[in-house]
Amino acid sequence: ENGVSLTEVVAGYDGIVIANAKSGPDFE
């Protein structure tokens, strides 16, 4: 709408994790 022309490029992938210390309980 504002006349801004763009090209989109995929830079890569990322995951968002839920994590805890190795000494803690396991979570599934």
mmCIF file of all heavy atoms, coordinates in Angstrom:
data_MODEL
# 
_entry.id   MODEL 
# 
loop_
_atom_site.group_PDB 
_atom_site.id 
_atom_site.type_symbol 
_atom_site.label_atom_id 
_atom_site.label_alt_id 
_atom_site.label_comp_id 
_atom_site.label_asym_id 
_atom_site.label_entity_id 
_atom_site.label_seq_id 
_atom_site.pdbx_PDB_ins_code 
_atom_site.Cartn_x 
_atom_site.Cartn_y 
_atom_site.Cartn_z 
_atom_site.occupancy 
_atom_site.B_iso_or_equiv 
_atom_site.pdbx_formal_charge 
_atom_site.auth_seq_id 
_atom_site.auth_comp_id 
_atom_site.auth_asym_id 
_atom_site.auth_atom_id 
_atom_site.pdbx_PDB_model_num 
ATOM 1   N N   . GLU A 1 1  ? 0.818  -1.216  0.000  1.00 0.00 ? 1  GLU A N   1 
ATOM 2   C CA  . GLU A 1 1  ? 0.000  0.000   0.000  1.00 0.00 ? 1  GLU A CA  1 
ATOM 3   C C   . GLU A 1 1  ? 0.854  1.269   0.000  1.00 0.00 ? 1  GLU A C   1 
ATOM 4   O O   . GLU A 1 1  ? 0.440  2.318   -0.505 1.00 0.00 ? 1  GLU A O   1 
ATOM 5   C CB  . GLU A 1 1  ? -0.931 0.002   1.217  1.00 0.00 ? 1  GLU A CB  1 
ATOM 6   C CG  . GLU A 1 1  ? -2.039 -1.037  1.141  1.00 0.00 ? 1  GLU A CG  1 
ATOM 7   C CD  . GLU A 1 1  ? -2.761 -1.216  2.465  1.00 0.00 ? 1  GLU A CD  1 
ATOM 8   O OE1 . GLU A 1 1  ? -2.415 -0.480  3.422  1.00 0.00 ? 1  GLU A OE1 1 
ATOM 9   O OE2 . GLU A 1 1  ? -3.647 -2.088  2.545  1.00 0.00 ? 1  GLU A OE2 1 
ATOM 10  N N   . ASN A 1 2  ? 2.056  1.157   0.566  1.00 0.00 ? 2  ASN A N   1 
ATOM 11  C CA  . ASN A 1 2  ? 2.928  2.324   0.673  1.00 0.00 ? 2  ASN A CA  1 
ATOM 12  C C   . ASN A 1 2  ? 4.057  2.323   -0.360 1.00 0.00 ? 2  ASN A C   1 
ATOM 13  O O   . ASN A 1 2  ? 5.004  3.097   -0.246 1.00 0.00 ? 2  ASN A O   1 
ATOM 14  C CB  . ASN A 1 2  ? 3.509  2.404   2.080  1.00 0.00 ? 2  ASN A CB  1 
ATOM 15  C CG  . ASN A 1 2  ? 2.476  2.809   3.117  1.00 0.00 ? 2  ASN A CG  1 
ATOM 16  O OD1 . ASN A 1 2  ? 2.207  3.984   3.308  1.00 0.00 ? 2  ASN A OD1 1 
ATOM 17  N ND2 . ASN A 1 2  ? 1.875  1.822   3.770  1.00 0.00 ? 2  ASN A ND2 1 
ATOM 18  N N   . GLY A 1 3  ? 3.927  1.430   -1.356 1.00 0.00 ? 3  GLY A N   1 
ATOM 19  C CA  . GLY A 1 3  ? 4.884  1.426   -2.444 1.00 0.00 ? 3  GLY A CA  1 
ATOM 20  C C   . GLY A 1 3  ? 6.252  0.888   -2.086 1.00 0.00 ? 3  GLY A C   1 
ATOM 21  O O   . GLY A 1 3  ? 7.247  1.214   -2.751 1.00 0.00 ? 3  GLY A O   1 
ATOM 22  N N   . VAL A 1 4  ? 6.334  0.071   -1.048 1.00 0.00 ? 4  VAL A N   1 
ATOM 23  C CA  . VAL A 1 4  ? 7.613  -0.520  -0.637 1.00 0.00 ? 4  VAL A CA  1 
ATOM 24  C C   . VAL A 1 4  ? 7.733  -1.897  -1.282 1.00 0.00 ? 4  VAL A C   1 
ATOM 25  O O   . VAL A 1 4  ? 6.944  -2.797  -0.999 1.00 0.00 ? 4  VAL A O   1 
ATOM 26  C CB  . VAL A 1 4  ? 7.707  -0.638  0.899  1.00 0.00 ? 4  VAL A CB  1 
ATOM 27  C CG1 . VAL A 1 4  ? 9.029  -1.306  1.294  1.00 0.00 ? 4  VAL A CG1 1 
ATOM 28  C CG2 . VAL A 1 4  ? 7.580  0.738   1.542  1.00 0.00 ? 4  VAL A CG2 1 
ATOM 29  N N   . SER A 1 5  ? 8.724  -2.061  -2.135 1.00 0.00 ? 5  SER A N   1 
ATOM 30  C CA  . SER A 1 5  ? 8.924  -3.306  -2.875 1.00 0.00 ? 5  SER A CA  1 
ATOM 31  C C   . SER A 1 5  ? 10.027 -4.118  -2.207 1.00 0.00 ? 5  SER A C   1 
ATOM 32  O O   . SER A 1 5  ? 11.115 -3.606  -1.931 1.00 0.00 ? 5  SER A O   1 
ATOM 33  C CB  . SER A 1 5  ? 9.298  -2.991  -4.321 1.00 0.00 ? 5  SER A CB  1 
ATOM 34  O OG  . SER A 1 5  ? 9.480  -4.169  -5.062 1.00 0.00 ? 5  SER A OG  1 
ATOM 35  N N   . LEU A 1 6  ? 9.745  -5.416  -1.952 1.00 0.00 ? 6  LEU A N   1 
ATOM 36  C CA  . LEU A 1 6  ? 10.660 -6.279  -1.205 1.00 0.00 ? 6  LEU A CA  1 
ATOM 37  C C   . LEU A 1 6  ? 10.851 -7.625  -1.889 1.00 0.00 ? 6  LEU A C   1 
ATOM 38  O O   . LEU A 1 6  ? 9.986  -8.086  -2.628 1.00 0.00 ? 6  LEU A O   1 
ATOM 39  C CB  . LEU A 1 6  ? 10.116 -6.542  0.203  1.00 0.00 ? 6  LEU A CB  1 
ATOM 40  C CG  . LEU A 1 6  ? 9.819  -5.371  1.123  1.00 0.00 ? 6  LEU A CG  1 
ATOM 41  C CD1 . LEU A 1 6  ? 9.053  -5.853  2.340  1.00 0.00 ? 6  LEU A CD1 1 
ATOM 42  C CD2 . LEU A 1 6  ? 11.114 -4.689  1.541  1.00 0.00 ? 6  LEU A CD2 1 
ATOM 43  N N   . THR A 1 7  ? 11.967 -8.253  -1.565 1.00 0.00 ? 7  THR A N   1 
ATOM 44  C CA  . THR A 1 7  ? 12.204 -9.658  -1.898 1.00 0.00 ? 7  THR A CA  1 
ATOM 45  C C   . THR A 1 7  ? 12.443 -10.407 -0.601 1.00 0.00 ? 7  THR A C   1 
ATOM 46  O O   . THR A 1 7  ? 13.195 -9.941  0.262  1.00 0.00 ? 7  THR A O   1 
ATOM 47  C CB  . THR A 1 7  ? 13.419 -9.824  -2.826 1.00 0.00 ? 7  THR A CB  1 
ATOM 48  O OG1 . THR A 1 7  ? 13.106 -9.288  -4.111 1.00 0.00 ? 7  THR A OG1 1 
ATOM 49  C CG2 . THR A 1 7  ? 13.803 -11.296 -2.985 1.00 0.00 ? 7  THR A CG2 1 
ATOM 50  N N   . GLU A 1 8  ? 11.801 -11.565 -0.461 1.00 0.00 ? 8  GLU A N   1 
ATOM 51  C CA  . GLU A 1 8  ? 11.939 -12.371 0.757  1.00 0.00 ? 8  GLU A CA  1 
ATOM 52  C C   . GLU A 1 8  ? 12.930 -13.512 0.519  1.00 0.00 ? 8  GLU A C   1 
ATOM 53  O O   . GLU A 1 8  ? 12.897 -14.170 -0.516 1.00 0.00 ? 8  GLU A O   1 
ATOM 54  C CB  . GLU A 1 8  ? 10.581 -12.950 1.150  1.00 0.00 ? 8  GLU A CB  1 
ATOM 55  C CG  . GLU A 1 8  ? 10.609 -13.804 2.408  1.00 0.00 ? 8  GLU A CG  1 
ATOM 56  C CD  . GLU A 1 8  ? 9.233  -14.378 2.730  1.00 0.00 ? 8  GLU A CD  1 
ATOM 57  O OE1 . GLU A 1 8  ? 8.815  -15.346 2.061  1.00 0.00 ? 8  GLU A OE1 1 
ATOM 58  O OE2 . GLU A 1 8  ? 8.572  -13.840 3.637  1.00 0.00 ? 8  GLU A OE2 1 
ATOM 59  N N   . VAL A 1 9  ? 13.810 -13.735 1.502  1.00 0.00 ? 9  VAL A N   1 
ATOM 60  C CA  . VAL A 1 9  ? 14.789 -14.818 1.437  1.00 0.00 ? 9  VAL A CA  1 
ATOM 61  C C   . VAL A 1 9  ? 14.746 -15.599 2.752  1.00 0.00 ? 9  VAL A C   1 
ATOM 62  O O   . VAL A 1 9  ? 14.688 -15.004 3.829  1.00 0.00 ? 9  VAL A O   1 
ATOM 63  C CB  . VAL A 1 9  ? 16.216 -14.270 1.217  1.00 0.00 ? 9  VAL A CB  1 
ATOM 64  C CG1 . VAL A 1 9  ? 17.218 -15.418 1.101  1.00 0.00 ? 9  VAL A CG1 1 
ATOM 65  C CG2 . VAL A 1 9  ? 16.272 -13.382 -0.018 1.00 0.00 ? 9  VAL A CG2 1 
ATOM 66  N N   . VAL A 1 10 ? 14.740 -16.925 2.657  1.00 0.00 ? 10 VAL A N   1 
ATOM 67  C CA  . VAL A 1 10 ? 14.753 -17.770 3.858  1.00 0.00 ? 10 VAL A CA  1 
ATOM 68  C C   . VAL A 1 10 ? 16.188 -17.876 4.363  1.00 0.00 ? 10 VAL A C   1 
ATOM 69  O O   . VAL A 1 10 ? 17.061 -18.394 3.669  1.00 0.00 ? 10 VAL A O   1 
ATOM 70  C CB  . VAL A 1 10 ? 14.191 -19.172 3.571  1.00 0.00 ? 10 VAL A CB  1 
ATOM 71  C CG1 . VAL A 1 10 ? 14.217 -20.013 4.837  1.00 0.00 ? 10 VAL A CG1 1 
ATOM 72  C CG2 . VAL A 1 10 ? 12.773 -19.077 3.027  1.00 0.00 ? 10 VAL A CG2 1 
ATOM 73  N N   . ALA A 1 11 ? 16.419 -17.382 5.565  1.00 0.00 ? 11 ALA A N   1 
ATOM 74  C CA  . ALA A 1 11 ? 17.782 -17.368 6.101  1.00 0.00 ? 11 ALA A CA  1 
ATOM 75  C C   . ALA A 1 11 ? 18.198 -18.712 6.681  1.00 0.00 ? 11 ALA A C   1 
ATOM 76  O O   . ALA A 1 11 ? 19.385 -19.006 6.800  1.00 0.00 ? 11 ALA A O   1 
ATOM 77  C CB  . ALA A 1 11 ? 17.896 -16.288 7.176  1.00 0.00 ? 11 ALA A CB  1 
ATOM 78  N N   . GLY A 1 12 ? 17.244 -19.524 7.079  1.00 0.00 ? 12 GLY A N   1 
ATOM 79  C CA  . GLY A 1 12 ? 17.547 -20.811 7.703  1.00 0.00 ? 12 GLY A CA  1 
ATOM 80  C C   . GLY A 1 12 ? 16.416 -21.186 8.631  1.00 0.00 ? 12 GLY A C   1 
ATOM 81  O O   . GLY A 1 12 ? 15.322 -20.618 8.555  1.00 0.00 ? 12 GLY A O   1 
ATOM 82  N N   . TYR A 1 13 ? 16.679 -22.123 9.532  1.00 0.00 ? 13 TYR A N   1 
ATOM 83  C CA  . TYR A 1 13 ? 15.647 -22.615 10.437 1.00 0.00 ? 13 TYR A CA  1 
ATOM 84  C C   . TYR A 1 13 ? 16.132 -22.526 11.884 1.00 0.00 ? 13 TYR A C   1 
ATOM 85  O O   . TYR A 1 13 ? 17.329 -22.558 12.168 1.00 0.00 ? 13 TYR A O   1 
ATOM 86  C CB  . TYR A 1 13 ? 15.300 -24.065 10.125 1.00 0.00 ? 13 TYR A CB  1 
ATOM 87  C CG  . TYR A 1 13 ? 14.869 -24.305 8.701  1.00 0.00 ? 13 TYR A CG  1 
ATOM 88  C CD1 . TYR A 1 13 ? 15.702 -24.982 7.815  1.00 0.00 ? 13 TYR A CD1 1 
ATOM 89  C CD2 . TYR A 1 13 ? 13.639 -23.840 8.228  1.00 0.00 ? 13 TYR A CD2 1 
ATOM 90  C CE1 . TYR A 1 13 ? 15.316 -25.204 6.505  1.00 0.00 ? 13 TYR A CE1 1 
ATOM 91  C CE2 . TYR A 1 13 ? 13.256 -24.051 6.921  1.00 0.00 ? 13 TYR A CE2 1 
ATOM 92  C CZ  . TYR A 1 13 ? 14.093 -24.741 6.060  1.00 0.00 ? 13 TYR A CZ  1 
ATOM 93  O OH  . TYR A 1 13 ? 13.725 -24.949 4.760  1.00 0.00 ? 13 TYR A OH  1 
ATOM 94  N N   . ASP A 1 14 ? 15.167 -22.417 12.778 1.00 0.00 ? 14 ASP A N   1 
ATOM 95  C CA  . ASP A 1 14 ? 15.478 -22.424 14.202 1.00 0.00 ? 14 ASP A CA  1 
ATOM 96  C C   . ASP A 1 14 ? 14.374 -23.173 14.921 1.00 0.00 ? 14 ASP A C   1 
ATOM 97  O O   . ASP A 1 14 ? 13.225 -23.218 14.462 1.00 0.00 ? 14 ASP A O   1 
ATOM 98  C CB  . ASP A 1 14 ? 15.577 -20.993 14.735 1.00 0.00 ? 14 ASP A CB  1 
ATOM 99  C CG  . ASP A 1 14 ? 16.068 -20.936 16.180 1.00 0.00 ? 14 ASP A CG  1 
ATOM 100 O OD1 . ASP A 1 14 ? 16.746 -21.896 16.618 1.00 0.00 ? 14 ASP A OD1 1 
ATOM 101 O OD2 . ASP A 1 14 ? 15.789 -19.948 16.864 1.00 0.00 ? 14 ASP A OD2 1 
ATOM 102 N N   . GLY A 1 15 ? 14.716 -23.784 16.021 1.00 0.00 ? 15 GLY A N   1 
ATOM 103 C CA  . GLY A 1 15 ? 13.728 -24.429 16.875 1.00 0.00 ? 15 GLY A CA  1 
ATOM 104 C C   . GLY A 1 15 ? 13.692 -23.727 18.208 1.00 0.00 ? 15 GLY A C   1 
ATOM 105 O O   . GLY A 1 15 ? 14.704 -23.201 18.682 1.00 0.00 ? 15 GLY A O   1 
ATOM 106 N N   . ILE A 1 16 ? 12.523 -23.672 18.815 1.00 0.00 ? 16 ILE A N   1 
ATOM 107 C CA  . ILE A 1 16 ? 12.387 -23.134 20.170 1.00 0.00 ? 16 ILE A CA  1 
ATOM 108 C C   . ILE A 1 16 ? 12.225 -24.322 21.098 1.00 0.00 ? 16 ILE A C   1 
ATOM 109 O O   . ILE A 1 16 ? 11.293 -25.111 20.952 1.00 0.00 ? 16 ILE A O   1 
ATOM 110 C CB  . ILE A 1 16 ? 11.188 -22.176 20.274 1.00 0.00 ? 16 ILE A CB  1 
ATOM 111 C CG1 . ILE A 1 16 ? 11.410 -20.993 19.331 1.00 0.00 ? 16 ILE A CG1 1 
ATOM 112 C CG2 . ILE A 1 16 ? 11.012 -21.692 21.705 1.00 0.00 ? 16 ILE A CG2 1 
ATOM 113 C CD1 . ILE A 1 16 ? 10.233 -20.071 19.240 1.00 0.00 ? 16 ILE A CD1 1 
ATOM 114 N N   . VAL A 1 17 ? 13.154 -24.452 22.018 1.00 0.00 ? 17 VAL A N   1 
ATOM 115 C CA  . VAL A 1 17 ? 13.185 -25.636 22.870 1.00 0.00 ? 17 VAL A CA  1 
ATOM 116 C C   . VAL A 1 17 ? 12.678 -25.318 24.272 1.00 0.00 ? 17 VAL A C   1 
ATOM 117 O O   . VAL A 1 17 ? 12.670 -24.168 24.718 1.00 0.00 ? 17 VAL A O   1 
ATOM 118 C CB  . VAL A 1 17 ? 14.603 -26.233 22.959 1.00 0.00 ? 17 VAL A CB  1 
ATOM 119 C CG1 . VAL A 1 17 ? 15.111 -26.607 21.581 1.00 0.00 ? 17 VAL A CG1 1 
ATOM 120 C CG2 . VAL A 1 17 ? 15.569 -25.273 23.640 1.00 0.00 ? 17 VAL A CG2 1 
ATOM 121 N N   . ILE A 1 18 ? 12.253 -26.380 24.943 1.00 0.00 ? 18 ILE A N   1 
ATOM 122 C CA  . ILE A 1 18 ? 11.937 -26.342 26.372 1.00 0.00 ? 18 ILE A CA  1 
ATOM 123 C C   . ILE A 1 18 ? 12.968 -27.265 27.011 1.00 0.00 ? 18 ILE A C   1 
ATOM 124 O O   . ILE A 1 18 ? 13.039 -28.448 26.672 1.00 0.00 ? 18 ILE A O   1 
ATOM 125 C CB  . ILE A 1 18 ? 10.509 -26.832 26.635 1.00 0.00 ? 18 ILE A CB  1 
ATOM 126 C CG1 . ILE A 1 18 ? 9.515  -25.988 25.830 1.00 0.00 ? 18 ILE A CG1 1 
ATOM 127 C CG2 . ILE A 1 18 ? 10.181 -26.797 28.124 1.00 0.00 ? 18 ILE A CG2 1 
ATOM 128 C CD1 . ILE A 1 18 ? 8.121  -26.579 25.764 1.00 0.00 ? 18 ILE A CD1 1 
ATOM 129 N N   . ALA A 1 19 ? 13.785 -26.737 27.881 1.00 0.00 ? 19 ALA A N   1 
ATOM 130 C CA  . ALA A 1 19 ? 14.920 -27.511 28.372 1.00 0.00 ? 19 ALA A CA  1 
ATOM 131 C C   . ALA A 1 19 ? 15.149 -27.271 29.860 1.00 0.00 ? 19 ALA A C   1 
ATOM 132 O O   . ALA A 1 19 ? 14.684 -26.283 30.433 1.00 0.00 ? 19 ALA A O   1 
ATOM 133 C CB  . ALA A 1 19 ? 16.175 -27.139 27.589 1.00 0.00 ? 19 ALA A CB  1 
ATOM 134 N N   . ASN A 1 20 ? 15.885 -28.197 30.471 1.00 0.00 ? 20 ASN A N   1 
ATOM 135 C CA  . ASN A 1 20 ? 16.288 -28.039 31.867 1.00 0.00 ? 20 ASN A CA  1 
ATOM 136 C C   . ASN A 1 20 ? 17.678 -28.625 32.065 1.00 0.00 ? 20 ASN A C   1 
ATOM 137 O O   . ASN A 1 20 ? 18.272 -29.183 31.137 1.00 0.00 ? 20 ASN A O   1 
ATOM 138 C CB  . ASN A 1 20 ? 15.272 -28.670 32.817 1.00 0.00 ? 20 ASN A CB  1 
ATOM 139 C CG  . ASN A 1 20 ? 15.159 -30.173 32.676 1.00 0.00 ? 20 ASN A CG  1 
ATOM 140 O OD1 . ASN A 1 20 ? 15.337 -30.723 31.586 1.00 0.00 ? 20 ASN A OD1 1 
ATOM 141 N ND2 . ASN A 1 20 ? 14.839 -30.862 33.757 1.00 0.00 ? 20 ASN A ND2 1 
ATOM 142 N N   . ALA A 1 21 ? 18.198 -28.480 33.263 1.00 0.00 ? 21 ALA A N   1 
ATOM 143 C CA  . ALA A 1 21 ? 19.527 -28.983 33.569 1.00 0.00 ? 21 ALA A CA  1 
ATOM 144 C C   . ALA A 1 21 ? 19.555 -30.503 33.483 1.00 0.00 ? 21 ALA A C   1 
ATOM 145 O O   . ALA A 1 21 ? 18.555 -31.178 33.780 1.00 0.00 ? 21 ALA A O   1 
ATOM 146 C CB  . ALA A 1 21 ? 19.947 -28.527 34.966 1.00 0.00 ? 21 ALA A CB  1 
ATOM 147 N N   . LYS A 1 22 ? 20.689 -31.043 33.094 1.00 0.00 ? 22 LYS A N   1 
ATOM 148 C CA  . LYS A 1 22 ? 20.817 -32.496 32.951 1.00 0.00 ? 22 LYS A CA  1 
ATOM 149 C C   . LYS A 1 22 ? 20.575 -33.230 34.264 1.00 0.00 ? 22 LYS A C   1 
ATOM 150 O O   . LYS A 1 22 ? 20.162 -34.401 34.257 1.00 0.00 ? 22 LYS A O   1 
ATOM 151 C CB  . LYS A 1 22 ? 22.196 -32.845 32.397 1.00 0.00 ? 22 LYS A CB  1 
ATOM 152 C CG  . LYS A 1 22 ? 22.292 -32.656 30.897 1.00 0.00 ? 22 LYS A CG  1 
ATOM 153 C CD  . LYS A 1 22 ? 23.458 -33.417 30.312 1.00 0.00 ? 22 LYS A CD  1 
ATOM 154 C CE  . LYS A 1 22 ? 23.347 -33.484 28.795 1.00 0.00 ? 22 LYS A CE  1 
ATOM 155 N NZ  . LYS A 1 22 ? 24.448 -34.226 28.178 1.00 0.00 ? 22 LYS A NZ  1 
ATOM 156 N N   . SER A 1 23 ? 20.817 -32.566 35.379 1.00 0.00 ? 23 SER A N   1 
ATOM 157 C CA  . SER A 1 23 ? 20.602 -33.209 36.674 1.00 0.00 ? 23 SER A CA  1 
ATOM 158 C C   . SER A 1 23 ? 19.140 -33.227 37.089 1.00 0.00 ? 23 SER A C   1 
ATOM 159 O O   . SER A 1 23 ? 18.780 -33.872 38.076 1.00 0.00 ? 23 SER A O   1 
ATOM 160 C CB  . SER A 1 23 ? 21.421 -32.488 37.748 1.00 0.00 ? 23 SER A CB  1 
ATOM 161 O OG  . SER A 1 23 ? 21.058 -31.107 37.814 1.00 0.00 ? 23 SER A OG  1 
ATOM 162 N N   . GLY A 1 24 ? 18.276 -32.543 36.337 1.00 0.00 ? 24 GLY A N   1 
ATOM 163 C CA  . GLY A 1 24 ? 16.856 -32.466 36.664 1.00 0.00 ? 24 GLY A CA  1 
ATOM 164 C C   . GLY A 1 24 ? 16.066 -33.613 36.067 1.00 0.00 ? 24 GLY A C   1 
ATOM 165 O O   . GLY A 1 24 ? 16.597 -34.479 35.367 1.00 0.00 ? 24 GLY A O   1 
ATOM 166 N N   . PRO A 1 25 ? 14.759 -33.629 36.338 1.00 0.00 ? 25 PRO A N   1 
ATOM 167 C CA  . PRO A 1 25 ? 13.908 -34.703 35.811 1.00 0.00 ? 25 PRO A CA  1 
ATOM 168 C C   . PRO A 1 25 ? 13.763 -34.627 34.299 1.00 0.00 ? 25 PRO A C   1 
ATOM 169 O O   . PRO A 1 25 ? 13.926 -33.565 33.693 1.00 0.00 ? 25 PRO A O   1 
ATOM 170 C CB  . PRO A 1 25 ? 12.564 -34.447 36.506 1.00 0.00 ? 25 PRO A CB  1 
ATOM 171 C CG  . PRO A 1 25 ? 12.578 -32.996 36.857 1.00 0.00 ? 25 PRO A CG  1 
ATOM 172 C CD  . PRO A 1 25 ? 14.009 -32.654 37.150 1.00 0.00 ? 25 PRO A CD  1 
ATOM 173 N N   . ASP A 1 26 ? 13.461 -35.774 33.686 1.00 0.00 ? 26 ASP A N   1 
ATOM 174 C CA  . ASP A 1 26 ? 13.202 -35.824 32.252 1.00 0.00 ? 26 ASP A CA  1 
ATOM 175 C C   . ASP A 1 26 ? 11.767 -35.386 31.982 1.00 0.00 ? 26 ASP A C   1 
ATOM 176 O O   . ASP A 1 26 ? 10.847 -35.735 32.727 1.00 0.00 ? 26 ASP A O   1 
ATOM 177 C CB  . ASP A 1 26 ? 13.407 -37.242 31.713 1.00 0.00 ? 26 ASP A CB  1 
ATOM 178 C CG  . ASP A 1 26 ? 14.860 -37.690 31.803 1.00 0.00 ? 26 ASP A CG  1 
ATOM 179 O OD1 . ASP A 1 26 ? 15.748 -36.818 31.772 1.00 0.00 ? 26 ASP A OD1 1 
ATOM 180 O OD2 . ASP A 1 26 ? 15.092 -38.906 31.916 1.00 0.00 ? 26 ASP A OD2 1 
ATOM 181 N N   . PHE A 1 27 ? 11.582 -34.635 30.905 1.00 0.00 ? 27 PHE A N   1 
ATOM 182 C CA  . PHE A 1 27 ? 10.252 -34.177 30.523 1.00 0.00 ? 27 PHE A CA  1 
ATOM 183 C C   . PHE A 1 27 ? 9.918  -34.670 29.122 1.00 0.00 ? 27 PHE A C   1 
ATOM 184 O O   . PHE A 1 27 ? 10.688 -34.455 28.178 1.00 0.00 ? 27 PHE A O   1 
ATOM 185 C CB  . PHE A 1 27 ? 10.165 -32.648 30.550 1.00 0.00 ? 27 PHE A CB  1 
ATOM 186 C CG  . PHE A 1 27 ? 9.991  -32.067 31.921 1.00 0.00 ? 27 PHE A CG  1 
ATOM 187 C CD1 . PHE A 1 27 ? 11.099 -31.788 32.707 1.00 0.00 ? 27 PHE A CD1 1 
ATOM 188 C CD2 . PHE A 1 27 ? 8.732  -31.799 32.425 1.00 0.00 ? 27 PHE A CD2 1 
ATOM 189 C CE1 . PHE A 1 27 ? 10.953 -31.253 33.976 1.00 0.00 ? 27 PHE A CE1 1 
ATOM 190 C CE2 . PHE A 1 27 ? 8.571  -31.268 33.688 1.00 0.00 ? 27 PHE A CE2 1 
ATOM 191 C CZ  . PHE A 1 27 ? 9.687  -30.987 34.472 1.00 0.00 ? 27 PHE A CZ  1 
ATOM 192 N N   . GLU A 1 28 ? 8.789  -35.342 28.995 1.00 0.00 ? 28 GLU A N   1 
ATOM 193 C CA  . GLU A 1 28 ? 8.203  -35.685 27.696 1.00 0.00 ? 28 GLU A CA  1 
ATOM 194 C C   . GLU A 1 28 ? 6.823  -35.063 27.678 1.00 0.00 ? 28 GLU A C   1 
ATOM 195 O O   . GLU A 1 28 ? 5.910  -35.518 28.372 1.00 0.00 ? 28 GLU A O   1 
ATOM 196 C CB  . GLU A 1 28 ? 8.142  -37.196 27.509 1.00 0.00 ? 28 GLU A CB  1 
ATOM 197 C CG  . GLU A 1 28 ? 9.509  -37.852 27.405 1.00 0.00 ? 28 GLU A CG  1 
ATOM 198 C CD  . GLU A 1 28 ? 9.434  -39.304 26.976 1.00 0.00 ? 28 GLU A CD  1 
ATOM 199 O OE1 . GLU A 1 28 ? 8.366  -39.713 26.446 1.00 0.00 ? 28 GLU A OE1 1 
ATOM 200 O OE2 . GLU A 1 28 ? 10.430 -40.023 27.151 1.00 0.00 ? 28 GLU A OE2 1 
# 
